[in-house]
Amino acid sequence: MDSTTILSPSILSSDFLHLGETVGMLEDSKADWIHLDVMDGVFVPNISFGFQVIKDIARVATKPLDVHLMIVDPDRYIPVLEECGAEYACVHYEACTHLNRTLQNIHAHGMKAGVALNPHTPVSAIEYIAQYADMVLIMSVNPGFGGQHFIENTVRKVAETKALLERTGSRALIEVDGGVTAENAKALVAAGADALVAGSAVMSSPDPKAMIDRLKSLR
């Protein structure tokens, strides 16, 4: 990883009985952002946590909150997310009927707008909205659960996303989420990834802080 690569550890795989300690560890680590996965049991087959948890984390966190909305009709919750103190609000292409309007809505509420693509969704789907996004999140697993195996053709998809962003003049960051490890991180960055979400790789490590150090020091 380049030293400028953003590392955004996900709390999804953490011990929720000790969530405050986890946030404290992330605050005291070399992590750049804190990744928060909101799941509704409808768009994905799992339920994670709600907005009160995000609001509580925001009270103690100084690092940007990178919120990934794996939910249907995310527009309903954008004002709430602003109140929670999110820096990034990332919605799924597959969940938004009027994606351009959704991105405008996120910006109107003072947040940066991200667009997530499921593994089956081609990069070409965002050709005409890429210039309005601040981030494109490439799912490298099927969304809904932590601990899944990395989908190998994600590296090629990152490269295709990079080419599309350059072609359209978009300045959006490319983030990769799902199965990111020390073994595949370098290939993702080489393909054009600007930010990596690391969930199980960090939270299931015997020493999460040391794993963050390792991921940030990869060359």
Protein backbone atom coordinates (compact mmCIF):
# COMPACT_ATOMS: atom_id res chain seq x y z
CA MET A 1 0.00 0.00 0.00
CA ASP A 2 1.08 3.52 -0.70
CA SER A 3 1.34 5.56 2.49
CA THR A 4 -1.45 7.78 1.16
CA THR A 5 -3.88 4.85 0.79
CA ILE A 6 -6.85 5.34 3.10
CA LEU A 7 -7.55 2.49 5.50
CA SER A 8 -11.12 2.33 6.79
CA PRO A 9 -11.54 -0.55 9.28
CA SER A 10 -15.09 -1.85 9.58
CA ILE A 11 -16.60 -2.44 13.00
CA LEU A 12 -19.02 -5.06 11.60
CA SER A 13 -16.83 -7.95 12.76
CA SER A 14 -15.97 -6.40 16.11
CA ASP A 15 -17.24 -7.46 19.54
CA PHE A 16 -20.28 -5.25 20.08
CA LEU A 17 -20.10 -5.84 23.83
CA HIS A 18 -16.91 -3.78 23.72
CA LEU A 19 -17.72 -1.35 20.92
CA GLY A 20 -16.44 1.67 22.83
CA GLU A 21 -13.07 -0.01 23.32
CA THR A 22 -12.94 -0.86 19.61
CA VAL A 23 -13.58 2.74 18.63
CA GLY A 24 -10.94 3.86 21.10
CA MET A 25 -8.45 1.43 19.55
CA LEU A 26 -9.23 2.73 16.05
CA GLU A 27 -8.85 6.31 17.25
CA ASP A 28 -5.44 5.46 18.67
CA SER A 29 -4.32 3.57 15.54
CA LYS A 30 -3.05 4.52 12.09
CA ALA A 31 -6.52 3.93 10.61
CA ASP A 32 -7.74 6.90 8.56
CA TRP A 33 -11.53 6.41 8.69
CA ILE A 34 -14.04 4.27 10.57
CA HIS A 35 -16.31 2.21 8.32
CA LEU A 36 -19.89 1.66 9.49
CA ASP A 37 -22.15 -0.85 7.71
CA VAL A 38 -25.88 -0.23 8.09
CA MET A 39 -27.97 -3.24 7.02
CA ASP A 40 -31.75 -3.44 7.00
CA GLY A 41 -32.50 -7.15 6.45
CA VAL A 42 -34.23 -6.27 3.16
CA PHE A 43 -31.60 -5.05 0.71
CA VAL A 44 -29.20 -7.55 2.30
CA PRO A 45 -30.08 -10.68 4.33
CA ASN A 46 -28.76 -9.33 7.60
CA ILE A 47 -29.43 -6.57 10.15
CA SER A 48 -26.48 -4.77 11.71
CA PHE A 49 -27.14 -1.61 13.74
CA GLY A 50 -29.07 1.63 13.53
CA PHE A 51 -28.37 5.32 13.55
CA GLN A 52 -28.21 5.72 17.31
CA VAL A 53 -25.06 3.59 17.31
CA ILE A 54 -23.53 5.87 14.67
CA LYS A 55 -24.48 8.93 16.70
CA ASP A 56 -22.89 7.45 19.83
CA ILE A 57 -19.69 6.62 17.94
CA ALA A 58 -19.58 10.15 16.51
CA ARG A 59 -19.58 11.56 20.05
CA VAL A 60 -16.16 10.04 20.74
CA ALA A 61 -14.61 9.58 17.30
CA THR A 62 -12.47 12.25 15.68
CA LYS A 63 -11.77 10.25 12.52
CA PRO A 64 -14.19 10.54 9.59
CA LEU A 65 -17.17 8.19 9.70
CA ASP A 66 -17.46 6.28 6.42
CA VAL A 67 -21.09 5.07 6.42
CA HIS A 68 -22.15 2.36 3.98
CA LEU A 69 -25.94 2.15 3.63
CA MET A 70 -26.93 -1.37 2.56
CA ILE A 71 -30.61 -0.49 2.73
CA VAL A 72 -33.61 0.11 0.50
CA ASP A 73 -34.79 3.68 -0.09
CA PRO A 74 -31.76 5.32 1.54
CA ASP A 75 -33.08 8.83 0.80
CA ARG A 76 -35.38 8.55 3.82
CA TYR A 77 -32.42 8.44 6.17
CA ILE A 78 -30.01 10.97 4.68
CA PRO A 79 -31.15 13.81 7.01
CA VAL A 80 -30.73 11.46 9.99
CA LEU A 81 -27.27 10.49 8.82
CA GLU A 82 -26.28 14.14 8.68
CA GLU A 83 -27.41 14.52 12.31
CA CYS A 84 -25.27 11.51 13.19
CA GLY A 85 -22.13 13.26 11.99
CA ALA A 86 -21.24 11.11 8.98
CA GLU A 87 -18.52 12.35 6.63
CA TYR A 88 -19.36 9.94 3.79
CA ALA A 89 -22.79 8.53 2.95
CA CYS A 90 -22.47 5.66 0.51
CA VAL A 91 -25.61 4.28 -1.15
CA HIS A 92 -25.99 1.32 -3.46
CA TYR A 93 -26.58 1.83 -7.17
CA GLU A 94 -28.96 -1.14 -7.01
CA ALA A 95 -31.07 0.47 -4.25
CA CYS A 96 -31.63 3.89 -5.83
CA THR A 97 -34.29 4.54 -8.47
CA HIS A 98 -33.11 8.13 -8.98
CA LEU A 99 -29.42 7.93 -8.14
CA ASN A 100 -28.53 11.41 -9.37
CA ARG A 101 -31.16 12.90 -7.06
CA THR A 102 -29.90 10.80 -4.16
CA LEU A 103 -26.35 12.08 -4.61
CA GLN A 104 -27.65 15.64 -4.75
CA ASN A 105 -29.59 14.98 -1.55
CA ILE A 106 -26.46 13.74 0.23
CA HIS A 107 -24.52 16.83 -0.84
CA ALA A 108 -27.39 19.11 0.21
CA HIS A 109 -27.05 17.65 3.71
CA GLY A 110 -23.37 18.47 3.91
CA MET A 111 -21.92 15.01 3.34
CA LYS A 112 -19.73 13.45 0.68
CA ALA A 113 -21.58 11.05 -1.59
CA GLY A 114 -20.50 7.51 -2.39
CA VAL A 115 -21.96 4.95 -4.78
CA ALA A 116 -21.51 1.24 -4.09
CA LEU A 117 -21.58 -1.44 -6.79
CA ASN A 118 -22.42 -5.07 -6.05
CA PRO A 119 -20.13 -7.71 -7.59
CA HIS A 120 -22.53 -8.37 -10.48
CA THR A 121 -23.05 -4.70 -11.37
CA PRO A 122 -20.84 -3.47 -14.23
CA VAL A 123 -18.78 -0.33 -13.80
CA SER A 124 -20.47 1.11 -16.91
CA ALA A 125 -23.66 1.51 -14.85
CA ILE A 126 -22.26 4.69 -13.27
CA GLU A 127 -20.97 6.26 -16.50
CA TYR A 128 -23.39 9.19 -16.32
CA ILE A 129 -23.29 9.89 -12.60
CA ALA A 130 -19.59 9.36 -11.85
CA GLN A 131 -18.87 13.08 -12.00
CA TYR A 132 -21.34 13.69 -9.16
CA ALA A 133 -19.86 11.09 -6.80
CA ASP A 134 -17.10 11.67 -4.28
CA MET A 135 -16.42 7.95 -3.96
CA VAL A 136 -17.15 4.70 -5.79
CA LEU A 137 -17.23 1.66 -3.50
CA ILE A 138 -16.48 -1.64 -5.24
CA MET A 139 -17.92 -4.60 -3.36
CA SER A 140 -15.42 -7.45 -3.42
CA VAL A 141 -17.88 -9.81 -1.69
CA ASN A 142 -21.65 -10.10 -1.88
CA PRO A 143 -22.94 -7.62 0.72
CA GLY A 144 -24.60 -8.71 3.93
CA PHE A 145 -22.04 -10.55 6.00
CA GLY A 146 -18.48 -10.11 7.18
CA GLY A 147 -15.80 -12.74 6.80
CA GLN A 148 -16.48 -13.69 3.17
CA HIS A 149 -13.79 -14.65 0.68
CA PHE A 150 -12.47 -12.01 -1.69
CA ILE A 151 -13.77 -12.16 -5.29
CA GLU A 152 -10.60 -12.20 -7.38
CA ASN A 153 -11.88 -10.33 -10.45
CA THR A 154 -12.38 -7.29 -8.22
CA VAL A 155 -8.83 -6.22 -9.11
CA ARG A 156 -9.84 -5.95 -12.77
CA LYS A 157 -13.02 -4.13 -11.80
CA VAL A 158 -11.01 -1.55 -9.84
CA ALA A 159 -8.87 -0.93 -12.91
CA GLU A 160 -12.01 -0.51 -15.04
CA THR A 161 -13.40 1.95 -12.49
CA LYS A 162 -10.18 3.94 -12.55
CA ALA A 163 -10.37 4.16 -16.35
CA LEU A 164 -14.01 5.26 -16.25
CA LEU A 165 -13.32 7.97 -13.69
CA GLU A 166 -10.44 9.32 -15.75
CA ARG A 167 -12.56 9.23 -18.93
CA THR A 168 -15.46 11.10 -17.33
CA GLY A 169 -13.31 13.60 -15.47
CA SER A 170 -14.57 12.38 -12.10
CA ARG A 171 -12.39 12.99 -9.04
CA ALA A 172 -14.12 10.29 -7.00
CA LEU A 173 -12.08 8.05 -4.76
CA ILE A 174 -12.21 4.30 -5.32
CA GLU A 175 -12.88 2.24 -2.21
CA VAL A 176 -12.88 -1.58 -1.99
CA ASP A 177 -14.96 -3.42 0.61
CA GLY A 178 -14.96 -7.13 1.39
CA GLY A 179 -12.31 -9.72 2.09
CA VAL A 180 -9.45 -7.22 1.99
CA THR A 181 -6.26 -8.68 3.48
CA ALA A 182 -2.53 -8.00 3.56
CA GLU A 183 -2.26 -10.53 0.72
CA ASN A 184 -4.50 -8.71 -1.79
CA ALA A 185 -4.20 -5.08 -0.66
CA LYS A 186 -1.16 -4.28 -2.81
CA ALA A 187 -2.83 -5.55 -6.00
CA LEU A 188 -5.92 -3.46 -5.30
CA VAL A 189 -3.89 -0.30 -4.76
CA ALA A 190 -1.83 -1.00 -7.87
CA ALA A 191 -5.09 -1.29 -9.85
CA GLY A 192 -6.22 2.14 -8.63
CA ALA A 193 -7.88 1.77 -5.21
CA ASP A 194 -7.61 4.85 -3.00
CA ALA A 195 -9.28 3.41 0.11
CA LEU A 196 -9.57 -0.09 1.56
CA VAL A 197 -12.15 -1.35 4.02
CA ALA A 198 -10.72 -4.03 6.30
CA GLY A 199 -13.17 -5.80 8.58
CA SER A 200 -12.36 -9.36 9.60
CA ALA A 201 -8.68 -8.93 8.72
CA VAL A 202 -8.44 -6.32 11.48
CA MET A 203 -11.13 -7.25 13.99
CA SER A 204 -10.43 -11.00 13.96
CA SER A 205 -6.70 -10.47 14.33
CA PRO A 206 -5.14 -11.31 17.72
CA ASP A 207 -3.75 -7.77 17.65
CA PRO A 208 -6.03 -5.50 15.57
CA LYS A 209 -3.84 -2.43 16.01
CA ALA A 210 -0.78 -4.33 14.79
CA MET A 211 -2.73 -5.52 11.76
CA ILE A 212 -3.67 -1.92 10.97
CA ASP A 213 0.02 -1.01 11.20
CA ARG A 214 0.85 -3.88 8.85
CA LEU A 215 -1.76 -2.86 6.28
CA LYS A 216 -0.65 0.77 6.38
CA SER A 217 3.01 -0.19 5.93
CA LEU A 218 2.63 -2.51 2.92
CA ARG A 219 4.75 -1.51 -0.06
